[in-house]
Protein backbone atom coordinates (compact mmCIF):
# COMPACT_ATOMS: atom_id res chain seq x y z
CA MET A 1 0.00 0.00 0.00
CA PHE A 2 1.45 3.34 -0.97
CA GLY A 3 1.47 6.39 1.25
CA THR A 4 3.25 4.78 4.17
CA ARG A 5 6.61 6.52 3.79
CA LYS A 6 6.75 10.21 4.66
CA LEU A 7 9.93 10.91 2.64
CA GLY A 8 10.78 13.83 4.93
CA LYS A 9 7.99 16.02 3.53
CA THR A 10 4.62 17.35 4.56
CA SER A 11 1.58 15.64 3.06
CA ALA A 12 1.01 18.38 0.46
CA GLN A 13 4.67 18.33 -0.61
CA ARG A 14 4.64 14.54 -0.74
CA LYS A 15 1.53 14.48 -2.93
CA ALA A 16 3.03 17.05 -5.31
CA LEU A 17 6.28 15.07 -5.49
CA LEU A 18 4.47 11.82 -6.30
CA ARG A 19 2.26 13.48 -8.93
CA GLN A 20 5.28 15.00 -10.67
CA GLN A 21 7.32 11.81 -10.56
CA VAL A 22 4.43 9.74 -11.91
CA THR A 23 4.00 12.25 -14.75
CA ASP A 24 7.73 12.21 -15.55
CA LEU A 25 7.92 8.41 -15.50
CA LEU A 26 4.95 8.04 -17.85
CA GLU A 27 6.37 10.73 -20.13
CA ASN A 28 9.91 9.33 -20.38
CA GLY A 29 9.46 5.64 -19.58
CA LYS A 30 12.44 5.62 -17.20
CA MET A 31 13.60 7.70 -14.25
CA GLU A 32 16.43 7.70 -11.72
CA THR A 33 15.53 8.64 -8.15
CA THR A 34 16.14 7.43 -4.62
CA PHE A 35 15.11 3.85 -3.87
CA TYR A 36 12.36 4.75 -1.40
CA ARG A 37 10.82 7.34 -3.71
CA ALA A 38 10.81 4.77 -6.50
CA LYS A 39 9.04 2.28 -4.25
CA GLU A 40 6.39 4.91 -3.46
CA VAL A 41 5.91 5.89 -7.12
CA GLN A 42 5.59 2.28 -8.32
CA PRO A 43 2.04 1.46 -7.10
CA VAL A 44 0.70 4.84 -8.24
CA VAL A 45 2.04 4.29 -11.77
CA GLU A 46 0.52 0.80 -11.77
CA LYS A 47 -2.88 2.27 -10.87
CA MET A 48 -2.58 4.88 -13.64
CA ILE A 49 -1.82 2.20 -16.22
CA THR A 50 -4.77 0.16 -14.96
CA LEU A 51 -6.97 3.23 -15.46
CA GLY A 52 -5.55 3.55 -18.96
CA LYS A 53 -6.48 -0.05 -19.69
CA LYS A 54 -10.11 0.67 -18.77
CA GLY A 55 -10.16 3.33 -21.45
CA ASN A 56 -13.49 4.99 -20.63
CA LEU A 57 -14.17 8.67 -20.00
CA ALA A 58 -14.43 8.32 -16.22
CA ALA A 59 -11.03 6.59 -16.07
CA TYR A 60 -9.51 9.30 -18.29
CA ARG A 61 -10.81 12.03 -16.00
CA ARG A 62 -9.52 10.23 -12.89
CA ALA A 63 -6.08 9.88 -14.48
CA LEU A 64 -6.10 13.50 -15.61
CA SER A 65 -6.90 14.64 -12.07
CA TYR A 66 -3.62 13.07 -10.91
CA ILE A 67 -1.29 13.47 -13.91
CA THR A 68 -0.07 17.05 -14.30
CA LYS A 69 0.17 17.17 -18.13
CA GLU A 70 -2.69 16.49 -20.49
CA ASP A 71 -0.46 15.19 -23.30
CA VAL A 72 1.00 12.58 -20.90
CA ALA A 73 -2.53 11.42 -20.05
CA ASN A 74 -3.26 11.09 -23.78
CA LYS A 75 -0.03 9.12 -24.23
CA LEU A 76 -1.03 6.87 -21.32
CA PHE A 77 -4.40 6.01 -22.87
CA LYS A 78 -3.30 5.78 -26.52
CA GLU A 79 0.23 4.30 -26.37
CA ILE A 80 1.23 2.95 -22.96
CA ALA A 81 -1.92 1.16 -21.77
CA PRO A 82 -2.55 -0.80 -25.02
CA LYS A 83 0.95 -2.31 -24.71
CA TYR A 84 -0.08 -3.89 -21.39
CA ALA A 85 -3.54 -5.06 -22.47
CA ASP A 86 -2.72 -8.74 -21.92
CA ARG A 87 -0.69 -8.22 -18.72
CA ASN A 88 -2.21 -8.38 -15.22
CA GLY A 89 -0.02 -5.98 -13.27
CA GLY A 90 3.75 -5.72 -12.92
CA TYR A 91 4.12 -2.85 -15.36
CA THR A 92 7.16 -1.28 -13.65
CA ARG A 93 10.58 -2.44 -12.49
CA VAL A 94 12.77 -0.91 -9.77
CA THR A 95 16.50 -1.62 -10.02
CA ARG A 96 18.97 -0.46 -7.39
CA THR A 97 22.00 1.36 -8.81
CA GLY A 98 24.13 2.08 -5.73
CA ALA A 99 24.80 5.02 -3.45
CA ARG A 100 24.66 8.67 -4.51
CA ARG A 101 28.03 10.40 -4.20
CA GLY A 102 26.96 13.46 -2.22
CA ASP A 103 24.90 12.00 0.63
CA ALA A 104 25.18 8.22 0.06
CA ALA A 105 21.42 7.91 -0.53
CA GLU A 106 20.53 4.61 -2.16
CA MET A 107 19.61 5.28 -5.80
CA ALA A 108 17.37 3.28 -8.10
CA VAL A 109 16.07 3.32 -11.65
CA ILE A 110 12.34 2.83 -12.12
CA GLU A 111 11.21 1.96 -15.62
CA LEU A 112 8.22 0.66 -17.51
CA VAL A 113 8.64 -3.02 -18.39
């Protein structure tokens, strides 16, 4: 269940961070961030792709209320979701890449499978 890690931010900052990272991941297909942020972003992205697979107007509006860019929501429904039509979950992969040089935070790459 997502929303259990506070990530050192207030709830409003945390929500804004997750919304932006979900948008960036869907836009680019791959993103490097800290491991714990990646683990928080993962279930949200999975839910967005599941909404994209539904494909109806209500699902589009729900996705658009979370994703910050309209063209990314269009890409989700027209390009990304049809690729996963025959897959039941597991749309993302988190791979650890090692420690960050400045503060030794554990880094990871999250990508669409």
